Amino acid sequence: MIVTIALLAFATKAFASDDVKIPPEVTPSMRAACESDVRRLCISSNSTVETVRQCVMSKFLKLGRRCQYEIASAGFAP
């Protein structure tokens, strides 16, 4: 799960900044399913990749079902 969370964190940073590219492990379906949840629950003005990763791990059960499903389908469920 740590890998996927880190990738989601990178992906989330990529949404905010075009300087960071989304890793290939973050599929379009994972991005579509998780972007709004990660932004809503885990992104603030001082977020870092590490804080976003920790947040997503700690709030996995608060993520939407689609996002949970995508993370679990990738083999990274807690």
C-alpha atoms as a PDB file:
ATOM      1  CA  MET A   1       0.000   0.000   0.000  1.00  0.00           C
ATOM      2  CA  ILE A   2       2.859   2.384   0.722  1.00  0.00           C
ATOM      3  CA  VAL A   3       3.865   2.383  -2.936  1.00  0.00           C
ATOM      4  CA  THR A   4       0.379   3.238  -4.121  1.00  0.00           C
ATOM      5  CA  ILE A   5      -0.040   5.910  -1.487  1.00  0.00           C
ATOM      6  CA  ALA A   6       3.257   7.483  -2.485  1.00  0.00           C
ATOM      7  CA  LEU A   7       2.188   7.361  -6.104  1.00  0.00           C
ATOM      8  CA  LEU A   8      -1.137   8.960  -5.256  1.00  0.00           C
ATOM      9  CA  ALA A   9       0.725  11.629  -3.360  1.00  0.00           C
ATOM     10  CA  PHE A  10       2.910  12.290  -6.391  1.00  0.00           C
ATOM     11  CA  ALA A  11      -0.150  12.297  -8.592  1.00  0.00           C
ATOM     12  CA  THR A  12      -1.874  14.769  -6.323  1.00  0.00           C
ATOM     13  CA  LYS A  13       1.157  17.031  -6.409  1.00  0.00           C
ATOM     14  CA  ALA A  14       1.122  16.721 -10.190  1.00  0.00           C
ATOM     15  CA  PHE A  15      -2.428  18.044 -10.277  1.00  0.00           C
ATOM     16  CA  ALA A  16      -1.264  21.136  -8.434  1.00  0.00           C
ATOM     17  CA  SER A  17       1.959  21.541 -10.375  1.00  0.00           C
ATOM     18  CA  ASP A  18       2.785  20.593 -13.933  1.00  0.00           C
ATOM     19  CA  ASP A  19       6.418  20.122 -12.872  1.00  0.00           C
ATOM     20  CA  VAL A  20       5.727  16.660 -11.437  1.00  0.00           C
ATOM     21  CA  LYS A  21       4.738  13.853 -13.782  1.00  0.00           C
ATOM     22  CA  ILE A  22       2.256  11.191 -12.735  1.00  0.00           C
ATOM     23  CA  PRO A  23       3.993   7.808 -12.413  1.00  0.00           C
ATOM     24  CA  PRO A  24       2.709   5.063 -14.721  1.00  0.00           C
ATOM     25  CA  GLU A  25       1.541   3.017 -11.724  1.00  0.00           C
ATOM     26  CA  VAL A  26      -1.184   5.591 -11.099  1.00  0.00           C
ATOM     27  CA  THR A  27      -3.705   4.440 -13.631  1.00  0.00           C
ATOM     28  CA  PRO A  28      -6.262   6.785 -15.117  1.00  0.00           C
ATOM     29  CA  SER A  29      -8.979   4.893 -13.231  1.00  0.00           C
ATOM     30  CA  MET A  30      -7.102   5.254  -9.921  1.00  0.00           C
ATOM     31  CA  ARG A  31      -6.578   8.934 -10.553  1.00  0.00           C
ATOM     32  CA  ALA A  32     -10.236   9.433 -11.442  1.00  0.00           C
ATOM     33  CA  ALA A  33     -11.393   7.480  -8.390  1.00  0.00           C
ATOM     34  CA  CYS A  34      -9.033   9.024  -5.841  1.00  0.00           C
ATOM     35  CA  GLU A  35      -8.192  12.575  -6.856  1.00  0.00           C
ATOM     36  CA  SER A  36     -11.115  14.317  -5.166  1.00  0.00           C
ATOM     37  CA  ASP A  37     -10.843  12.223  -1.993  1.00  0.00           C
ATOM     38  CA  VAL A  38      -7.117  12.839  -1.653  1.00  0.00           C
ATOM     39  CA  ARG A  39      -7.561  16.552  -2.287  1.00  0.00           C
ATOM     40  CA  ARG A  40     -10.467  16.798   0.169  1.00  0.00           C
ATOM     41  CA  LEU A  41      -8.890  14.776   2.966  1.00  0.00           C
ATOM     42  CA  CYS A  42      -5.158  15.217   2.609  1.00  0.00           C
ATOM     43  CA  ILE A  43      -4.077  18.309   0.701  1.00  0.00           C
ATOM     44  CA  SER A  44      -3.288  21.607   2.358  1.00  0.00           C
ATOM     45  CA  SER A  45      -1.076  24.528   1.470  1.00  0.00           C
ATOM     46  CA  ASN A  46       1.899  22.954   3.241  1.00  0.00           C
ATOM     47  CA  SER A  47       1.415  19.330   2.125  1.00  0.00           C
ATOM     48  CA  THR A  48       4.392  17.226   1.201  1.00  0.00           C
ATOM     49  CA  VAL A  49       4.476  13.860  -0.507  1.00  0.00           C
ATOM     50  CA  GLU A  50       5.170  12.232   2.856  1.00  0.00           C
ATOM     51  CA  THR A  51       2.317  13.958   4.694  1.00  0.00           C
ATOM     52  CA  VAL A  52      -0.123  13.106   1.902  1.00  0.00           C
ATOM     53  CA  ARG A  53       1.009   9.470   1.926  1.00  0.00           C
ATOM     54  CA  GLN A  54       0.576   9.257   5.693  1.00  0.00           C
ATOM     55  CA  CYS A  55      -2.809  10.924   5.479  1.00  0.00           C
ATOM     56  CA  VAL A  56      -4.120   8.564   2.802  1.00  0.00           C
ATOM     57  CA  MET A  57      -2.918   5.558   4.803  1.00  0.00           C
ATOM     58  CA  SER A  58      -4.544   6.793   7.993  1.00  0.00           C
ATOM     59  CA  LYS A  59      -7.795   7.772   6.262  1.00  0.00           C
ATOM     60  CA  PHE A  60      -8.129   4.796   3.916  1.00  0.00           C
ATOM     61  CA  LEU A  61     -11.555   3.919   5.328  1.00  0.00           C
ATOM     62  CA  LYS A  62     -12.731   7.497   4.736  1.00  0.00           C
ATOM     63  CA  LEU A  63     -11.823   7.354   1.046  1.00  0.00           C
ATOM     64  CA  GLY A  64     -14.660   6.794  -1.364  1.00  0.00           C
ATOM     65  CA  ARG A  65     -15.507   3.223  -2.266  1.00  0.00           C
ATOM     66  CA  ARG A  66     -14.222   3.653  -5.810  1.00  0.00           C
ATOM     67  CA  CYS A  67     -10.866   4.864  -4.522  1.00  0.00           C
ATOM     68  CA  GLN A  68     -10.640   2.062  -1.978  1.00  0.00           C
ATOM     69  CA  TYR A  69     -11.491  -0.420  -4.717  1.00  0.00           C
ATOM     70  CA  GLU A  70      -8.796   0.935  -7.051  1.00  0.00           C
ATOM     71  CA  ILE A  71      -6.161   0.799  -4.316  1.00  0.00           C
ATOM     72  CA  ALA A  72      -7.243  -2.723  -3.310  1.00  0.00           C
ATOM     73  CA  SER A  73      -7.355  -3.873  -6.935  1.00  0.00           C
ATOM     74  CA  ALA A  74      -3.757  -2.732  -7.329  1.00  0.00           C
ATOM     75  CA  GLY A  75      -2.890  -4.968  -4.381  1.00  0.00           C
ATOM     76  CA  PHE A  76      -2.155  -2.226  -1.895  1.00  0.00           C
ATOM     77  CA  ALA A  77      -5.101  -2.344   0.520  1.00  0.00           C
ATOM     78  CA  PRO A  78      -4.208  -2.057   4.210  1.00  0.00           C
END
